């Protein structure tokens, strides 16, 4: 299954700010973005393997991981509206 993800430019345009990422085992790493609105938080995490190869994306709303790993700008805009 191919995982689709938004570009960094798309996330930034939606108002996300990059937070501190970190290294993972096997020379991988993750990058993490957050958006706060009212009393809610939305986080997007991208995981990369060694060699900057994209591996997976995760979406969290108010600390709860959402089961959908393939998400679009429409999905994120709906969550932002709910905030």
N, C-alpha and C. Protein backbone atom coordinates (compact mmCIF):
# COMPACT_ATOMS: atom_id res chain seq x y z
N UNK A 1 0.85 -1.19 0.00
CA UNK A 1 0.00 0.00 0.00
C UNK A 1 0.89 1.25 0.00
N UNK A 2 0.62 2.17 -0.85
CA UNK A 2 1.37 3.42 -0.94
C UNK A 2 0.75 4.45 0.00
N UNK A 3 1.58 5.09 0.77
CA UNK A 3 1.12 6.14 1.68
C UNK A 3 1.32 7.49 1.01
N UNK A 4 0.27 8.26 0.92
CA UNK A 4 0.38 9.60 0.38
C UNK A 4 0.53 10.58 1.52
N UNK A 5 1.16 11.68 1.26
CA UNK A 5 1.31 12.68 2.31
C UNK A 5 1.40 14.07 1.68
N UNK A 6 1.09 15.05 2.50
CA UNK A 6 1.15 16.43 2.06
C UNK A 6 2.60 16.90 2.06
N UNK A 7 2.90 17.83 1.20
CA UNK A 7 4.25 18.39 1.18
C UNK A 7 4.43 19.30 2.39
N UNK A 8 5.68 19.60 2.70
CA UNK A 8 5.99 20.51 3.79
C UNK A 8 5.40 21.89 3.50
N UNK A 9 5.44 22.29 2.24
CA UNK A 9 4.87 23.59 1.86
C UNK A 9 3.36 23.61 2.10
N UNK A 10 2.67 22.50 1.80
CA UNK A 10 1.22 22.44 2.04
C UNK A 10 0.91 22.54 3.53
N UNK A 11 1.69 21.83 4.35
CA UNK A 11 1.47 21.90 5.80
C UNK A 11 1.69 23.32 6.32
N UNK A 12 2.75 23.95 5.87
CA UNK A 12 3.06 25.32 6.29
C UNK A 12 1.97 26.28 5.87
N UNK A 13 1.48 26.11 4.66
CA UNK A 13 0.42 26.98 4.14
C UNK A 13 -0.86 26.86 4.97
N UNK A 14 -1.10 25.67 5.54
CA UNK A 14 -2.29 25.44 6.38
C UNK A 14 -2.11 25.99 7.78
N UNK A 15 -0.89 26.44 8.11
CA UNK A 15 -0.65 27.02 9.42
C UNK A 15 0.15 26.16 10.37
N UNK A 16 0.61 25.01 9.93
CA UNK A 16 1.42 24.14 10.78
C UNK A 16 2.81 24.73 10.98
N UNK A 17 3.33 24.55 12.17
CA UNK A 17 4.70 24.96 12.52
C UNK A 17 5.50 23.70 12.79
N UNK A 18 6.72 23.65 12.24
CA UNK A 18 7.55 22.47 12.48
C UNK A 18 8.05 22.48 13.92
N UNK A 19 7.91 21.33 14.56
CA UNK A 19 8.38 21.12 15.93
C UNK A 19 9.67 20.30 15.86
N UNK A 20 10.25 20.03 16.98
CA UNK A 20 11.51 19.31 17.00
C UNK A 20 11.31 17.84 16.64
N UNK A 21 12.02 17.36 15.63
CA UNK A 21 12.03 15.95 15.27
C UNK A 21 13.17 15.25 15.99
N UNK A 22 13.44 14.00 15.61
CA UNK A 22 14.51 13.27 16.27
C UNK A 22 14.94 12.09 15.42
N UNK A 23 16.10 11.56 15.76
CA UNK A 23 16.63 10.38 15.07
C UNK A 23 15.92 9.12 15.57
N UNK A 24 15.87 8.13 14.70
CA UNK A 24 15.30 6.82 15.04
C UNK A 24 16.36 5.76 14.80
N UNK A 25 16.06 4.53 15.18
CA UNK A 25 16.98 3.42 14.93
C UNK A 25 17.23 3.26 13.44
N UNK A 26 18.31 2.62 13.09
CA UNK A 26 18.68 2.32 11.69
C UNK A 26 18.84 3.57 10.84
N UNK A 27 19.32 4.66 11.44
CA UNK A 27 19.58 5.92 10.74
C UNK A 27 18.33 6.58 10.18
N UNK A 28 17.18 6.21 10.64
CA UNK A 28 15.95 6.89 10.25
C UNK A 28 15.71 8.11 11.12
N UNK A 29 14.68 8.84 10.82
CA UNK A 29 14.33 10.02 11.62
C UNK A 29 12.88 10.37 11.39
N UNK A 30 12.36 11.27 12.23
CA UNK A 30 11.01 11.77 12.01
C UNK A 30 11.00 13.29 12.06
N UNK A 31 10.02 13.85 11.36
CA UNK A 31 9.75 15.29 11.40
C UNK A 31 8.32 15.44 11.90
N UNK A 32 8.08 16.53 12.63
CA UNK A 32 6.83 16.67 13.36
C UNK A 32 6.34 18.10 13.24
N UNK A 33 5.04 18.28 12.92
CA UNK A 33 4.43 19.61 12.78
C UNK A 33 3.21 19.69 13.68
N UNK A 34 2.94 20.89 14.18
CA UNK A 34 1.78 21.08 15.04
C UNK A 34 1.00 22.32 14.66
N UNK A 35 -0.29 22.27 14.96
CA UNK A 35 -1.19 23.40 14.75
C UNK A 35 -2.09 23.48 15.97
N UNK A 36 -2.17 24.65 16.58
CA UNK A 36 -3.05 24.87 17.72
C UNK A 36 -4.10 25.89 17.35
N UNK A 37 -5.33 25.58 17.72
CA UNK A 37 -6.44 26.50 17.47
C UNK A 37 -7.45 26.29 18.59
N UNK A 38 -7.87 27.39 19.20
CA UNK A 38 -8.75 27.33 20.37
C UNK A 38 -8.10 26.42 21.41
N UNK A 39 -8.79 25.43 21.88
CA UNK A 39 -8.23 24.51 22.88
C UNK A 39 -7.83 23.18 22.26
N UNK A 40 -7.62 23.13 20.97
CA UNK A 40 -7.32 21.89 20.28
C UNK A 40 -5.94 21.91 19.63
N UNK A 41 -5.38 20.71 19.45
CA UNK A 41 -4.08 20.55 18.79
C UNK A 41 -4.18 19.48 17.72
N UNK A 42 -3.50 19.73 16.61
CA UNK A 42 -3.43 18.79 15.51
C UNK A 42 -1.95 18.60 15.19
N UNK A 43 -1.50 17.35 15.14
CA UNK A 43 -0.09 17.05 14.86
C UNK A 43 0.03 16.11 13.67
N UNK A 44 1.03 16.35 12.87
CA UNK A 44 1.38 15.50 11.74
C UNK A 44 2.83 15.07 11.93
N UNK A 45 3.07 13.78 11.83
CA UNK A 45 4.43 13.23 11.95
C UNK A 45 4.77 12.45 10.69
N UNK A 46 5.93 12.72 10.13
CA UNK A 46 6.44 11.98 8.98
C UNK A 46 7.67 11.20 9.43
N UNK A 47 7.71 9.93 9.07
CA UNK A 47 8.83 9.05 9.44
C UNK A 47 9.60 8.72 8.16
N UNK A 48 10.92 8.83 8.25
CA UNK A 48 11.80 8.57 7.11
C UNK A 48 12.81 7.47 7.47
N UNK A 49 13.13 6.65 6.50
CA UNK A 49 14.19 5.66 6.64
C UNK A 49 15.52 6.33 6.31
N UNK A 50 16.59 5.59 6.50
CA UNK A 50 17.91 6.09 6.11
C UNK A 50 17.88 6.48 4.64
N UNK A 51 18.63 7.49 4.27
CA UNK A 51 18.65 7.95 2.89
C UNK A 51 17.48 8.85 2.54
N UNK A 52 16.79 9.39 3.56
CA UNK A 52 15.67 10.32 3.37
C UNK A 52 14.48 9.71 2.64
N UNK A 53 14.32 8.40 2.71
CA UNK A 53 13.18 7.74 2.07
C UNK A 53 11.96 7.80 2.98
N UNK A 54 10.87 8.42 2.48
CA UNK A 54 9.64 8.53 3.25
C UNK A 54 9.10 7.14 3.56
N UNK A 55 8.71 6.92 4.82
CA UNK A 55 8.20 5.63 5.24
C UNK A 55 6.71 5.68 5.59
N UNK A 56 6.31 6.65 6.43
CA UNK A 56 4.93 6.67 6.89
C UNK A 56 4.57 8.05 7.43
N UNK A 57 3.26 8.27 7.59
CA UNK A 57 2.74 9.52 8.15
C UNK A 57 1.71 9.18 9.22
N UNK A 58 1.68 10.01 10.25
CA UNK A 58 0.72 9.82 11.34
C UNK A 58 0.03 11.14 11.62
N UNK A 59 -1.23 11.05 11.99
CA UNK A 59 -2.05 12.22 12.28
C UNK A 59 -2.62 12.05 13.68
N UNK A 60 -2.49 13.09 14.51
CA UNK A 60 -3.03 13.06 15.87
C UNK A 60 -3.90 14.29 16.10
N UNK A 61 -5.04 14.08 16.73
CA UNK A 61 -5.95 15.15 17.07
C UNK A 61 -6.15 15.13 18.57
N UNK A 62 -5.76 16.21 19.24
CA UNK A 62 -5.85 16.31 20.70
C UNK A 62 -5.23 15.11 21.41
N UNK A 63 -4.08 14.67 20.92
CA UNK A 63 -3.35 13.58 21.55
C UNK A 63 -3.79 12.18 21.18
N UNK A 64 -4.85 12.06 20.41
CA UNK A 64 -5.34 10.75 19.99
C UNK A 64 -4.90 10.46 18.56
N UNK A 65 -4.23 9.34 18.37
CA UNK A 65 -3.79 8.95 17.03
C UNK A 65 -5.02 8.56 16.21
N UNK A 66 -5.10 9.11 15.02
CA UNK A 66 -6.19 8.76 14.12
C UNK A 66 -5.76 7.57 13.27
N UNK A 67 -6.66 6.65 13.04
CA UNK A 67 -6.32 5.41 12.36
C UNK A 67 -5.98 5.58 10.89
N UNK A 68 -6.36 6.67 10.30
CA UNK A 68 -6.14 6.86 8.87
C UNK A 68 -4.72 7.35 8.62
N UNK A 69 -3.95 6.59 7.88
CA UNK A 69 -2.57 6.99 7.60
C UNK A 69 -2.44 7.65 6.24
N UNK A 70 -3.41 7.51 5.39
CA UNK A 70 -3.44 8.23 4.11
C UNK A 70 -4.44 9.36 4.29
N UNK A 71 -3.93 10.58 4.36
CA UNK A 71 -4.83 11.71 4.56
C UNK A 71 -4.51 12.80 3.55
N UNK A 72 -5.52 13.58 3.27
CA UNK A 72 -5.39 14.64 2.27
C UNK A 72 -5.56 16.00 2.93
N UNK A 73 -5.38 17.03 2.15
CA UNK A 73 -5.61 18.38 2.66
C UNK A 73 -7.07 18.56 3.05
N UNK A 74 -7.97 17.88 2.37
CA UNK A 74 -9.40 17.95 2.72
C UNK A 74 -9.61 17.40 4.11
N UNK A 75 -9.01 16.25 4.42
CA UNK A 75 -9.14 15.65 5.75
C UNK A 75 -8.65 16.61 6.82
N UNK A 76 -7.49 17.20 6.60
CA UNK A 76 -6.91 18.10 7.58
C UNK A 76 -7.76 19.37 7.71
N UNK A 77 -8.25 19.90 6.61
CA UNK A 77 -9.09 21.10 6.67
C UNK A 77 -10.38 20.84 7.45
N UNK A 78 -10.94 19.65 7.35
CA UNK A 78 -12.13 19.30 8.13
C UNK A 78 -11.80 19.32 9.62
N UNK A 79 -10.65 18.74 9.98
CA UNK A 79 -10.25 18.74 11.39
C UNK A 79 -9.99 20.16 11.89
N UNK A 80 -9.39 20.99 11.07
CA UNK A 80 -9.13 22.38 11.45
C UNK A 80 -10.45 23.11 11.68
N UNK A 81 -11.44 22.86 10.83
CA UNK A 81 -12.76 23.48 11.01
C UNK A 81 -13.40 23.03 12.31
N UNK A 82 -13.20 21.77 12.70
CA UNK A 82 -13.77 21.26 13.95
C UNK A 82 -13.11 21.89 15.17
N UNK A 83 -11.91 22.37 14.99
CA UNK A 83 -11.18 22.97 16.11
C UNK A 83 -11.84 24.28 16.49
